[in-house]
Amino acid sequence: MLAFLQGFSYGLFMTCLPWLLVGLVNPRLALPSEPFGRLQVIVRYCLMVPFVSMLLWLTSLWGGFGPSLLGWIAGLVAIPAALPLERHLRGWLGRRRERRRQARLAAEAERRRAQQEREAQEAGVAVLDPAHPPVGADDLVLAMCRAKQALLDVRRPDLAIQADRLYSRYRHVMEVLGGRFDSGELAFERSRSLVGEVCLGAVDTLNSMASQASGVVSVDGDFVRRRLAKESKRLGEEERVALVRRLELLAETERRLEELAARNESALTVLDDTAVSMARIETGRPQASVTTDRALSELRHFVERADRYGRSER
């Protein structure tokens, strides 16, 4: 065994120089994974592999000097045989890390969604469940459900909450309209049509937000920032430019999403104004025969006369 290790150390040490030259010409051929750089090639074949071969050689000296031919041949083919295995292992580890990251992001998004739904419920905002739309939902409410599901699919529950707010405003306005007008009145039909147009425009904006967010759903901004912060000195210029461009894409998308969200806030404000304006309209006949101010005046007058009547009796 010690003779095999001694021969293996000689063969491994002899292959360091050829693989160093190959790596200096094309680092991708001599390195198992990114980053592919000549500095990594020099570190690997001038320091790491020679250190391993020297350590094996010193260990094998306990059995005396006598390297075996089989160990020497194994050392010669060790690097070309280990590179594919190392690439496969690193790829598997990278995919496992990515799966764990995706699961963590999904769990975090679900936690944020649950938190926002709790806050929305406490604030009186109705929460839409895209999988189970409200009973008797019309086409507009179903479109809101689809828009919310699209935002949840791109892991943006912070934007999906706007669908809940839009649904709450729409339901409130329709309740106010139903209380102020009869369903057959022309004013009711006209108001409902205008409210529907405003809500459809907001739904289109929600769908546009989902489309914008889907373009960068696979970009992990935190990972890119950590990479630029911790490995900035080891990154090549081309890779650095690519990472910076990813951050720029994220920033541009977030800026566009903020603009679309602001547009929806304007639509929500219009619905609030509509509800308030409609609530001020007096369409029914008053139940009292006199106005409130007149009734208060007559009540005060009666109380004063009742007081004088009590004194006259004494």
Protein backbone atom coordinates (compact mmCIF):
# COMPACT_ATOMS: atom_id res chain seq x y z
CA MET A 1 0.00 0.00 0.00
CA LEU A 2 2.81 2.39 0.90
CA ALA A 3 4.60 1.54 -2.36
CA PHE A 4 1.40 2.33 -4.27
CA LEU A 5 1.08 5.70 -2.49
CA GLN A 6 4.72 6.49 -3.22
CA GLY A 7 4.27 5.75 -6.91
CA PHE A 8 0.97 7.67 -6.94
CA SER A 9 2.69 10.74 -5.44
CA TYR A 10 5.39 10.66 -8.13
CA GLY A 11 2.88 10.33 -10.94
CA LEU A 12 0.64 13.06 -9.50
CA PHE A 13 3.58 15.45 -9.10
CA MET A 14 4.72 14.83 -12.69
CA THR A 15 1.33 15.84 -14.09
CA CYS A 16 1.24 19.21 -12.32
CA LEU A 17 3.34 21.02 -14.95
CA PRO A 18 1.40 19.76 -18.03
CA TRP A 19 -1.94 20.61 -16.44
CA LEU A 20 -0.61 24.00 -15.38
CA LEU A 21 0.30 24.78 -19.00
CA VAL A 22 -3.09 23.53 -20.22
CA GLY A 23 -4.86 25.65 -17.63
CA LEU A 24 -2.90 28.78 -18.53
CA VAL A 25 -3.97 28.35 -22.15
CA ASN A 26 -7.60 27.44 -21.37
CA PRO A 27 -8.62 27.50 -17.69
CA ARG A 28 -11.92 25.73 -18.42
CA LEU A 29 -10.05 22.53 -19.32
CA ALA A 30 -8.08 22.39 -16.06
CA LEU A 31 -10.64 23.63 -13.52
CA PRO A 32 -13.77 21.79 -12.32
CA SER A 33 -16.06 24.81 -11.90
CA GLU A 34 -16.31 28.58 -11.91
CA PRO A 35 -14.62 30.94 -11.51
CA PHE A 36 -12.42 29.97 -14.47
CA GLY A 37 -9.30 32.07 -14.07
CA ARG A 38 -5.57 31.64 -14.51
CA LEU A 39 -4.99 32.58 -10.89
CA GLN A 40 -7.12 29.60 -9.81
CA VAL A 41 -5.08 27.38 -12.16
CA ILE A 42 -1.81 28.56 -10.61
CA VAL A 43 -3.11 28.04 -7.06
CA ARG A 44 -4.40 24.57 -7.91
CA TYR A 45 -1.40 23.15 -9.82
CA CYS A 46 1.44 25.06 -8.19
CA LEU A 47 0.29 24.82 -4.57
CA MET A 48 -2.61 22.48 -3.84
CA VAL A 49 -1.80 19.43 -6.00
CA PRO A 50 1.98 19.55 -5.30
CA PHE A 51 1.21 19.83 -1.58
CA VAL A 52 -1.02 16.73 -1.74
CA SER A 53 1.60 14.76 -3.68
CA MET A 54 4.35 15.79 -1.24
CA LEU A 55 2.19 14.81 1.72
CA LEU A 56 1.51 11.40 0.17
CA TRP A 57 5.22 10.91 -0.59
CA LEU A 58 6.26 11.75 2.98
CA THR A 59 3.61 9.38 4.33
CA SER A 60 4.77 6.54 2.08
CA LEU A 61 8.39 6.81 3.26
CA TRP A 62 7.48 4.79 6.38
CA GLY A 63 7.67 1.70 4.17
CA GLY A 64 11.01 2.60 2.64
CA PHE A 65 11.79 3.69 -0.88
CA GLY A 66 10.09 1.55 -3.55
CA PRO A 67 7.41 3.19 -5.70
CA SER A 68 5.16 0.78 -7.57
CA LEU A 69 4.43 1.01 -11.29
CA LEU A 70 0.68 0.70 -10.71
CA GLY A 71 0.71 3.63 -8.29
CA TRP A 72 2.75 5.72 -10.73
CA ILE A 73 0.24 5.05 -13.55
CA ALA A 74 -2.67 5.86 -11.20
CA GLY A 75 -0.99 9.16 -10.33
CA LEU A 76 -0.63 10.04 -14.00
CA VAL A 77 -4.37 9.57 -14.68
CA ALA A 78 -5.56 10.94 -11.32
CA ILE A 79 -6.20 14.50 -12.47
CA PRO A 80 -8.02 13.73 -15.78
CA ALA A 81 -10.12 11.14 -13.93
CA ALA A 82 -10.86 13.38 -10.94
CA LEU A 83 -11.87 16.47 -12.92
CA PRO A 84 -15.17 15.02 -14.33
CA LEU A 85 -16.01 13.51 -10.95
CA GLU A 86 -15.35 16.79 -9.19
CA ARG A 87 -17.42 18.67 -11.77
CA HIS A 88 -20.29 16.25 -11.28
CA LEU A 89 -20.03 16.52 -7.48
CA ARG A 90 -19.86 20.32 -7.54
CA GLY A 91 -22.80 20.43 -9.93
CA TRP A 92 -24.84 18.18 -7.67
CA LEU A 93 -23.96 20.28 -4.63
CA GLY A 94 -24.80 23.46 -6.53
CA ARG A 95 -28.19 22.07 -7.59
CA ARG A 96 -28.91 21.03 -4.02
CA ARG A 97 -28.02 24.50 -2.76
CA GLU A 98 -30.25 26.01 -5.45
CA ARG A 99 -33.14 23.76 -4.46
CA ARG A 100 -32.69 24.72 -0.83
CA ARG A 101 -32.51 28.39 -1.78
CA GLN A 102 -35.68 28.11 -3.85
CA ALA A 103 -37.42 26.33 -0.99
CA ARG A 104 -36.24 29.01 1.43
CA LEU A 105 -37.45 31.77 -0.89
CA ALA A 106 -40.79 30.02 -1.32
CA ALA A 107 -41.15 29.63 2.45
CA GLU A 108 -40.22 33.27 2.99
CA ALA A 109 -42.68 34.39 0.33
CA GLU A 110 -45.40 32.27 1.92
CA ARG A 111 -44.58 33.73 5.33
CA ARG A 112 -44.74 37.28 3.97
CA ARG A 113 -47.98 36.46 2.19
CA ALA A 114 -49.54 35.08 5.37
CA GLN A 115 -48.35 38.13 7.33
CA GLN A 116 -49.76 40.52 4.76
CA GLU A 117 -53.03 38.64 4.67
CA ARG A 118 -53.28 38.87 8.47
CA GLU A 119 -52.54 42.59 8.33
CA ALA A 120 -55.08 43.01 5.53
CA GLN A 121 -57.73 41.17 7.51
CA GLU A 122 -57.04 43.29 10.57
CA ALA A 123 -57.33 46.42 8.39
CA GLY A 124 -60.67 45.29 6.99
CA VAL A 125 -59.38 44.30 3.55
CA ALA A 126 -61.03 41.23 2.04
CA VAL A 127 -58.51 38.57 1.00
CA LEU A 128 -59.00 36.86 -2.35
CA ASP A 129 -58.18 33.16 -2.65
CA PRO A 130 -57.38 32.56 -6.35
CA ALA A 131 -58.03 28.84 -5.95
CA HIS A 132 -61.46 29.47 -4.39
CA PRO A 133 -63.04 32.68 -5.76
CA PRO A 134 -65.93 34.21 -3.82
CA VAL A 135 -69.36 32.66 -4.35
CA GLY A 136 -71.19 34.39 -7.16
CA ALA A 137 -68.04 36.16 -8.39
CA ASP A 138 -68.48 37.99 -11.68
CA ASP A 139 -65.97 38.11 -14.52
CA LEU A 140 -64.21 41.12 -13.01
CA VAL A 141 -63.61 39.41 -9.66
CA LEU A 142 -62.37 36.28 -11.47
CA ALA A 143 -59.93 38.47 -13.42
CA MET A 144 -58.69 39.87 -10.09
CA CYS A 145 -58.13 36.30 -8.85
CA ARG A 146 -56.13 35.41 -11.95
CA ALA A 147 -54.03 38.55 -11.64
CA LYS A 148 -53.29 37.81 -7.98
CA GLN A 149 -52.30 34.22 -8.82
CA ALA A 150 -49.95 35.51 -11.52
CA LEU A 151 -48.23 37.75 -8.97
CA LEU A 152 -47.97 34.91 -6.47
CA ASP A 153 -46.45 32.67 -9.16
CA VAL A 154 -43.57 35.13 -9.57
CA ARG A 155 -43.09 35.25 -5.79
CA ARG A 156 -44.37 38.80 -5.29
CA PRO A 157 -46.96 38.59 -2.49
CA ASP A 158 -46.16 42.20 -1.63
CA LEU A 159 -47.70 43.20 -4.96
CA ALA A 160 -50.47 40.60 -4.89
CA ILE A 161 -52.00 42.39 -1.90
CA GLN A 162 -53.12 45.11 -4.31
CA ALA A 163 -55.58 42.63 -5.83
CA ASP A 164 -57.15 42.22 -2.38
CA ARG A 165 -57.38 45.98 -1.90
CA LEU A 166 -58.90 46.41 -5.35
CA TYR A 167 -61.47 43.71 -4.64
CA SER A 168 -62.36 45.34 -1.30
CA ARG A 169 -62.85 48.76 -2.93
CA TYR A 170 -64.89 47.25 -5.75
CA ARG A 171 -67.15 45.38 -3.36
CA HIS A 172 -67.62 48.46 -1.15
CA VAL A 173 -68.48 50.72 -4.10
CA MET A 174 -71.00 48.19 -5.44
CA GLU A 175 -72.62 47.99 -2.00
CA VAL A 176 -72.90 51.78 -1.87
CA LEU A 177 -74.37 51.90 -5.38
CA GLY A 178 -76.84 49.17 -4.50
CA GLY A 179 -77.94 51.14 -1.46
CA ARG A 180 -78.40 54.42 -3.35
CA PHE A 181 -79.97 53.26 -6.63
CA ASP A 182 -82.32 50.58 -7.85
CA SER A 183 -80.72 47.97 -10.06
CA GLY A 184 -82.92 49.01 -12.99
CA GLU A 185 -82.05 52.70 -12.86
CA LEU A 186 -79.97 54.20 -15.63
CA ALA A 187 -77.69 55.92 -13.09
CA PHE A 188 -76.92 52.56 -11.48
CA GLU A 189 -76.01 50.93 -14.79
CA ARG A 190 -73.86 53.89 -15.82
CA SER A 191 -72.04 54.03 -12.48
CA ARG A 192 -71.45 50.28 -12.45
CA SER A 193 -70.07 50.41 -15.98
CA LEU A 194 -67.61 53.19 -15.08
CA VAL A 195 -66.52 51.43 -11.91
CA GLY A 196 -65.96 48.25 -13.93
CA GLU A 197 -63.79 50.12 -16.44
CA VAL A 198 -61.62 51.54 -13.65
CA CYS A 199 -61.24 48.10 -12.06
CA LEU A 200 -60.43 46.45 -15.41
CA GLY A 201 -57.69 49.02 -15.94
CA ALA A 202 -56.30 48.19 -12.51
CA VAL A 203 -56.43 44.46 -13.31
CA ASP A 204 -54.50 45.11 -16.53
CA THR A 205 -51.90 46.94 -14.45
CA LEU A 206 -51.65 43.97 -12.07
CA ASN A 207 -51.09 41.63 -15.03
CA SER A 208 -48.43 43.98 -16.36
CA MET A 209 -46.72 43.93 -12.95
CA ALA A 210 -46.71 40.12 -13.01
CA SER A 211 -45.21 40.13 -16.49
CA GLN A 212 -42.51 42.59 -15.44
CA ALA A 213 -41.66 40.63 -12.29
CA SER A 214 -41.46 37.32 -14.17
CA GLY A 215 -38.48 38.61 -16.15
CA VAL A 216 -36.27 38.76 -13.05
CA VAL A 217 -37.84 36.01 -10.95
CA SER A 218 -34.73 33.83 -11.37
CA VAL A 219 -32.29 36.61 -10.41
CA ASP A 220 -31.20 36.44 -6.77
CA GLY A 221 -30.20 39.98 -5.91
CA ASP A 222 -28.82 39.06 -2.48
CA PHE A 223 -26.57 36.38 -3.99
CA VAL A 224 -25.25 38.80 -6.64
CA ARG A 225 -24.53 41.47 -4.04
CA ARG A 226 -22.71 38.98 -1.79
CA ARG A 227 -20.68 37.75 -4.76
CA LEU A 228 -19.66 41.27 -5.70
CA ALA A 229 -18.84 42.16 -2.10
CA LYS A 230 -16.87 39.05 -1.09
CA GLU A 231 -15.29 37.93 -4.37
CA SER A 232 -14.83 41.25 -6.15
CA LYS A 233 -11.05 40.85 -6.36
CA ARG A 234 -11.23 37.35 -7.84
CA LEU A 235 -13.90 38.09 -10.44
CA GLY A 236 -12.96 38.64 -14.05
CA GLU A 237 -13.99 41.84 -15.75
CA GLU A 238 -16.55 40.09 -17.93
CA GLU A 239 -18.19 38.37 -14.98
CA ARG A 240 -18.19 41.56 -12.93
CA VAL A 241 -19.95 43.44 -15.74
CA ALA A 242 -22.53 40.62 -16.01
CA LEU A 243 -23.25 40.71 -12.26
CA VAL A 244 -23.56 44.49 -12.23
CA ARG A 245 -25.94 44.28 -15.17
CA ARG A 246 -28.13 41.85 -13.22
CA LEU A 247 -28.40 44.36 -10.39
CA GLU A 248 -29.27 47.08 -12.89
CA LEU A 249 -32.03 44.89 -14.33
CA LEU A 250 -33.41 44.33 -10.84
CA ALA A 251 -33.34 48.06 -10.09
CA GLU A 252 -35.01 48.93 -13.40
CA THR A 253 -37.71 46.34 -12.85
CA GLU A 254 -38.38 47.50 -9.29
CA ARG A 255 -38.62 51.10 -10.49
CA ARG A 256 -41.13 50.07 -13.16
CA LEU A 257 -43.13 48.05 -10.64
CA GLU A 258 -43.27 51.05 -8.31
CA GLU A 259 -44.65 53.17 -11.16
CA LEU A 260 -47.32 50.57 -11.93
CA ALA A 261 -48.17 50.25 -8.23
CA ALA A 262 -48.58 54.03 -8.04
CA ARG A 263 -50.95 53.88 -11.02
CA ASN A 264 -53.07 51.34 -9.17
CA GLU A 265 -53.06 53.54 -6.07
CA SER A 266 -54.61 56.26 -8.21
CA ALA A 267 -57.33 53.82 -9.30
CA LEU A 268 -58.01 52.88 -5.67
CA THR A 269 -58.30 56.56 -4.79
CA VAL A 270 -60.83 57.06 -7.57
CA LEU A 271 -62.90 54.18 -6.18
CA ASP A 272 -62.74 55.70 -2.70
CA ASP A 273 -63.87 59.06 -4.07
CA THR A 274 -66.72 57.33 -5.89
CA ALA A 275 -67.89 55.56 -2.73
CA VAL A 276 -67.79 58.77 -0.70
CA SER A 277 -69.58 60.79 -3.38
CA MET A 278 -72.27 58.16 -3.85
CA ALA A 279 -72.77 57.87 -0.09
CA ARG A 280 -73.58 61.60 0.04
CA ILE A 281 -76.36 61.29 -2.50
CA GLU A 282 -79.83 61.36 -0.92
CA THR A 283 -82.09 59.33 -3.22
CA GLY A 284 -84.75 58.09 -0.77
CA ARG A 285 -87.70 59.96 0.77
CA PRO A 286 -87.00 61.20 4.32
CA GLN A 287 -88.85 59.26 6.99
CA ALA A 288 -89.20 62.26 9.31
CA SER A 289 -91.94 64.83 8.57
CA VAL A 290 -89.65 67.73 9.54
CA THR A 291 -85.96 68.39 9.18
CA THR A 292 -83.52 67.58 11.97
CA ASP A 293 -82.74 71.23 12.73
CA ARG A 294 -86.42 72.10 13.00
CA ALA A 295 -87.10 69.11 15.24
CA LEU A 296 -84.28 70.12 17.60
CA SER A 297 -85.58 73.69 17.76
CA GLU A 298 -89.10 72.57 18.59
CA LEU A 299 -87.79 70.12 21.19
CA ARG A 300 -85.85 72.89 22.96
CA HIS A 301 -88.92 75.10 22.86
CA PHE A 302 -91.06 72.33 24.39
CA VAL A 303 -88.54 71.75 27.20
CA GLU A 304 -88.54 75.46 28.06
CA ARG A 305 -92.36 75.58 28.14
CA ALA A 306 -92.47 72.39 30.24
CA ASP A 307 -90.18 74.03 32.78
CA ARG A 308 -92.42 77.10 33.00
CA TYR A 309 -95.48 74.86 33.29
CA GLY A 310 -93.94 73.11 36.32
CA ARG A 311 -93.29 76.44 38.11
CA SER A 312 -96.82 77.74 37.44
CA GLU A 313 -98.33 74.61 39.05
CA ARG A 314 -96.49 75.38 42.28
